[in-house]
Amino acid sequence: MNERDARLRAQLPALLDARPGLGIAQVHQDVIAGNHRYILPDLQRLG
């Protein structure tokens, strides 16, 4: 796991709070798959 992946994994709880309509499995699957187009704005907003 590279540093970027580690940072994304660390943000999962905050991402779930930011997107309560998505389940943990879906968010985690998208992070692993590299589907960050909808996650990146949240990560930037969270700092």
PDB file of N, CA and C in Angstrom:
ATOM      1  N   MET A   1       0.854  -1.176   0.000  1.00  0.00           N
ATOM      2  CA  MET A   1       0.000   0.000   0.000  1.00  0.00           C
ATOM      3  C   MET A   1       0.900   1.240   0.000  1.00  0.00           C
ATOM      4  N   ASN A   2       0.639   2.145  -0.921  1.00  0.00           N
ATOM      5  CA  ASN A   2       1.458   3.346  -0.962  1.00  0.00           C
ATOM      6  C   ASN A   2       0.891   4.416  -0.030  1.00  0.00           C
ATOM      7  N   GLU A   3       1.616   5.522   0.059  1.00  0.00           N
ATOM      8  CA  GLU A   3       1.229   6.584   0.997  1.00  0.00           C
ATOM      9  C   GLU A   3      -0.143   7.165   0.663  1.00  0.00           C
ATOM     10  N   ARG A   4      -0.427   7.309  -0.630  1.00  0.00           N
ATOM     11  CA  ARG A   4      -1.724   7.856  -1.040  1.00  0.00           C
ATOM     12  C   ARG A   4      -2.867   6.935  -0.610  1.00  0.00           C
ATOM     13  N   ASP A   5      -2.695   5.641  -0.817  1.00  0.00           N
ATOM     14  CA  ASP A   5      -3.722   4.687  -0.407  1.00  0.00           C
ATOM     15  C   ASP A   5      -3.916   4.711   1.100  1.00  0.00           C
ATOM     16  N   ALA A   6      -2.823   4.815   1.835  1.00  0.00           N
ATOM     17  CA  ALA A   6      -2.913   4.854   3.296  1.00  0.00           C
ATOM     18  C   ALA A   6      -3.703   6.086   3.744  1.00  0.00           C
ATOM     19  N   ARG A   7      -3.459   7.226   3.092  1.00  0.00           N
ATOM     20  CA  ARG A   7      -4.199   8.442   3.447  1.00  0.00           C
ATOM     21  C   ARG A   7      -5.677   8.279   3.136  1.00  0.00           C
ATOM     22  N   LEU A   8      -5.994   7.684   1.997  1.00  0.00           N
ATOM     23  CA  LEU A   8      -7.400   7.483   1.632  1.00  0.00           C
ATOM     24  C   LEU A   8      -8.088   6.540   2.611  1.00  0.00           C
ATOM     25  N   ARG A   9      -7.401   5.477   2.974  1.00  0.00           N
ATOM     26  CA  ARG A   9      -7.982   4.544   3.944  1.00  0.00           C
ATOM     27  C   ARG A   9      -8.231   5.237   5.283  1.00  0.00           C
ATOM     28  N   ALA A  10      -7.312   6.100   5.669  1.00  0.00           N
ATOM     29  CA  ALA A  10      -7.452   6.813   6.941  1.00  0.00           C
ATOM     30  C   ALA A  10      -8.655   7.758   6.911  1.00  0.00           C
ATOM     31  N   GLN A  11      -9.064   8.186   5.716  1.00  0.00           N
ATOM     32  CA  GLN A  11     -10.183   9.125   5.586  1.00  0.00           C
ATOM     33  C   GLN A  11     -11.543   8.420   5.501  1.00  0.00           C
ATOM     34  N   LEU A  12     -11.556   7.106   5.445  1.00  0.00           N
ATOM     35  CA  LEU A  12     -12.833   6.398   5.251  1.00  0.00           C
ATOM     36  C   LEU A  12     -13.917   6.796   6.257  1.00  0.00           C
ATOM     37  N   PRO A  13     -13.634   6.855   7.557  1.00  0.00           N
ATOM     38  CA  PRO A  13     -14.717   7.235   8.483  1.00  0.00           C
ATOM     39  C   PRO A  13     -15.292   8.616   8.177  1.00  0.00           C
ATOM     40  N   ALA A  14     -14.433   9.569   7.866  1.00  0.00           N
ATOM     41  CA  ALA A  14     -14.907  10.917   7.546  1.00  0.00           C
ATOM     42  C   ALA A  14     -15.701  10.913   6.239  1.00  0.00           C
ATOM     43  N   LEU A  15     -15.254  10.109   5.279  1.00  0.00           N
ATOM     44  CA  LEU A  15     -15.983  10.027   4.006  1.00  0.00           C
ATOM     45  C   LEU A  15     -17.373   9.453   4.218  1.00  0.00           C
ATOM     46  N   LEU A  16     -17.484   8.478   5.089  1.00  0.00           N
ATOM     47  CA  LEU A  16     -18.798   7.899   5.359  1.00  0.00           C
ATOM     48  C   LEU A  16     -19.710   8.934   6.003  1.00  0.00           C
ATOM     49  N   ASP A  17     -19.148   9.757   6.885  1.00  0.00           N
ATOM     50  CA  ASP A  17     -19.942  10.814   7.497  1.00  0.00           C
ATOM     51  C   ASP A  17     -20.376  11.835   6.450  1.00  0.00           C
ATOM     52  N   ALA A  18     -19.472  12.111   5.503  1.00  0.00           N
ATOM     53  CA  ALA A  18     -19.768  13.112   4.480  1.00  0.00           C
ATOM     54  C   ALA A  18     -20.773  12.585   3.454  1.00  0.00           C
ATOM     55  N   ARG A  19     -20.790  11.265   3.266  1.00  0.00           N
ATOM     56  CA  ARG A  19     -21.682  10.651   2.282  1.00  0.00           C
ATOM     57  C   ARG A  19     -22.460   9.516   2.949  1.00  0.00           C
ATOM     58  N   PRO A  20     -23.402   9.870   3.824  1.00  0.00           N
ATOM     59  CA  PRO A  20     -24.100   8.844   4.595  1.00  0.00           C
ATOM     60  C   PRO A  20     -24.937   7.886   3.751  1.00  0.00           C
ATOM     61  N   GLY A  21     -25.219   8.259   2.498  1.00  0.00           N
ATOM     62  CA  GLY A  21     -26.012   7.386   1.640  1.00  0.00           C
ATOM     63  C   GLY A  21     -25.237   6.176   1.151  1.00  0.00           C
ATOM     64  N   LEU A  22     -23.916   6.218   1.275  1.00  0.00           N
ATOM     65  CA  LEU A  22     -23.089   5.112   0.796  1.00  0.00           C
ATOM     66  C   LEU A  22     -22.691   4.223   1.966  1.00  0.00           C
ATOM     67  N   GLY A  23     -22.699   2.936   1.729  1.00  0.00           N
ATOM     68  CA  GLY A  23     -22.274   2.003   2.764  1.00  0.00           C
ATOM     69  C   GLY A  23     -20.758   1.892   2.805  1.00  0.00           C
ATOM     70  N   ILE A  24     -20.250   1.388   3.909  1.00  0.00           N
ATOM     71  CA  ILE A  24     -18.803   1.215   4.075  1.00  0.00           C
ATOM     72  C   ILE A  24     -18.232   0.344   2.970  1.00  0.00           C
ATOM     73  N   ALA A  25     -18.926  -0.690   2.586  1.00  0.00           N
ATOM     74  CA  ALA A  25     -18.404  -1.595   1.564  1.00  0.00           C
ATOM     75  C   ALA A  25     -18.248  -0.876   0.232  1.00  0.00           C
ATOM     76  N   GLN A  26     -19.227  -0.044  -0.127  1.00  0.00           N
ATOM     77  CA  GLN A  26     -19.163   0.669  -1.407  1.00  0.00           C
ATOM     78  C   GLN A  26     -18.040   1.688  -1.406  1.00  0.00           C
ATOM     79  N   VAL A  27     -17.919   2.455  -0.334  1.00  0.00           N
ATOM     80  CA  VAL A  27     -16.858   3.459  -0.266  1.00  0.00           C
ATOM     81  C   VAL A  27     -15.506   2.769  -0.288  1.00  0.00           C
ATOM     82  N   HIS A  28     -15.362   1.709   0.500  1.00  0.00           N
ATOM     83  CA  HIS A  28     -14.088   0.999   0.564  1.00  0.00           C
ATOM     84  C   HIS A  28     -13.754   0.398  -0.795  1.00  0.00           C
ATOM     85  N   GLN A  29     -14.732  -0.198  -1.441  1.00  0.00           N
ATOM     86  CA  GLN A  29     -14.519  -0.793  -2.773  1.00  0.00           C
ATOM     87  C   GLN A  29     -14.088   0.278  -3.768  1.00  0.00           C
ATOM     88  N   ASP A  30     -14.716   1.431  -3.721  1.00  0.00           N
ATOM     89  CA  ASP A  30     -14.360   2.504  -4.643  1.00  0.00           C
ATOM     90  C   ASP A  30     -12.957   3.020  -4.371  1.00  0.00           C
ATOM     91  N   VAL A  31     -12.587   3.119  -3.099  1.00  0.00           N
ATOM     92  CA  VAL A  31     -11.237   3.567  -2.761  1.00  0.00           C
ATOM     93  C   VAL A  31     -10.211   2.565  -3.283  1.00  0.00           C
ATOM     94  N   ILE A  32     -10.465   1.282  -3.044  1.00  0.00           N
ATOM     95  CA  ILE A  32      -9.533   0.250  -3.499  1.00  0.00           C
ATOM     96  C   ILE A  32      -9.439   0.240  -5.027  1.00  0.00           C
ATOM     97  N   ALA A  33     -10.583   0.425  -5.687  1.00  0.00           N
ATOM     98  CA  ALA A  33     -10.612   0.382  -7.148  1.00  0.00           C
ATOM     99  C   ALA A  33     -10.030   1.646  -7.778  1.00  0.00           C
ATOM    100  N   GLY A  34      -9.834   2.675  -6.969  1.00  0.00           N
ATOM    101  CA  GLY A  34      -9.282   3.912  -7.490  1.00  0.00           C
ATOM    102  C   GLY A  34     -10.329   4.835  -8.094  1.00  0.00           C
ATOM    103  N   ASN A  35     -11.589   4.609  -7.743  1.00  0.00           N
ATOM    104  CA  ASN A  35     -12.664   5.468  -8.252  1.00  0.00           C
ATOM    105  C   ASN A  35     -12.839   6.662  -7.316  1.00  0.00           C
ATOM    106  N   HIS A  36     -11.949   7.619  -7.459  1.00  0.00           N
ATOM    107  CA  HIS A  36     -11.912   8.717  -6.495  1.00  0.00           C
ATOM    108  C   HIS A  36     -12.576   9.986  -7.012  1.00  0.00           C
ATOM    109  N   ARG A  37     -13.230   9.933  -8.184  1.00  0.00           N
ATOM    110  CA  ARG A  37     -13.744  11.188  -8.723  1.00  0.00           C
ATOM    111  C   ARG A  37     -14.761  11.828  -7.796  1.00  0.00           C
ATOM    112  N   TYR A  38     -15.560  11.050  -7.096  1.00  0.00           N
ATOM    113  CA  TYR A  38     -16.535  11.663  -6.192  1.00  0.00           C
ATOM    114  C   TYR A  38     -15.984  11.781  -4.775  1.00  0.00           C
ATOM    115  N   ILE A  39     -14.895  11.076  -4.492  1.00  0.00           N
ATOM    116  CA  ILE A  39     -14.314  11.123  -3.153  1.00  0.00           C
ATOM    117  C   ILE A  39     -13.352  12.302  -3.011  1.00  0.00           C
ATOM    118  N   LEU A  40     -12.602  12.599  -4.056  1.00  0.00           N
ATOM    119  CA  LEU A  40     -11.576  13.630  -3.951  1.00  0.00           C
ATOM    120  C   LEU A  40     -12.101  14.986  -3.488  1.00  0.00           C
ATOM    121  N   PRO A  41     -13.241  15.467  -3.969  1.00  0.00           N
ATOM    122  CA  PRO A  41     -13.735  16.752  -3.438  1.00  0.00           C
ATOM    123  C   PRO A  41     -13.970  16.696  -1.933  1.00  0.00           C
ATOM    124  N   ASP A  42     -14.449  15.559  -1.433  1.00  0.00           N
ATOM    125  CA  ASP A  42     -14.658  15.421   0.005  1.00  0.00           C
ATOM    126  C   ASP A  42     -13.330  15.433   0.744  1.00  0.00           C
ATOM    127  N   LEU A  43     -12.327  14.733   0.201  1.00  0.00           N
ATOM    128  CA  LEU A  43     -11.015  14.711   0.849  1.00  0.00           C
ATOM    129  C   LEU A  43     -10.426  16.113   0.889  1.00  0.00           C
ATOM    130  N   GLN A  44     -10.569  16.848  -0.192  1.00  0.00           N
ATOM    131  CA  GLN A  44     -10.040  18.211  -0.222  1.00  0.00           C
ATOM    132  C   GLN A  44     -10.771  19.095   0.776  1.00  0.00           C
ATOM    133  N   ARG A  45     -12.064  18.901   0.889  1.00  0.00           N
ATOM    134  CA  ARG A  45     -12.853  19.703   1.823  1.00  0.00           C
ATOM    135  C   ARG A  45     -12.462  19.377   3.261  1.00  0.00           C
ATOM    136  N   LEU A  46     -12.183  18.091   3.505  1.00  0.00           N
ATOM    137  CA  LEU A  46     -11.815  17.663   4.858  1.00  0.00           C
ATOM    138  C   LEU A  46     -10.386  18.056   5.212  1.00  0.00           C
ATOM    139  N   GLY A  47      -9.594  18.381   4.196  1.00  0.00           N
ATOM    140  CA  GLY A  47      -8.209  18.781   4.458  1.00  0.00           C
ATOM    141  C   GLY A  47      -7.338  17.590   4.396  1.00  0.00           C
TER     142      GLY A  47
END
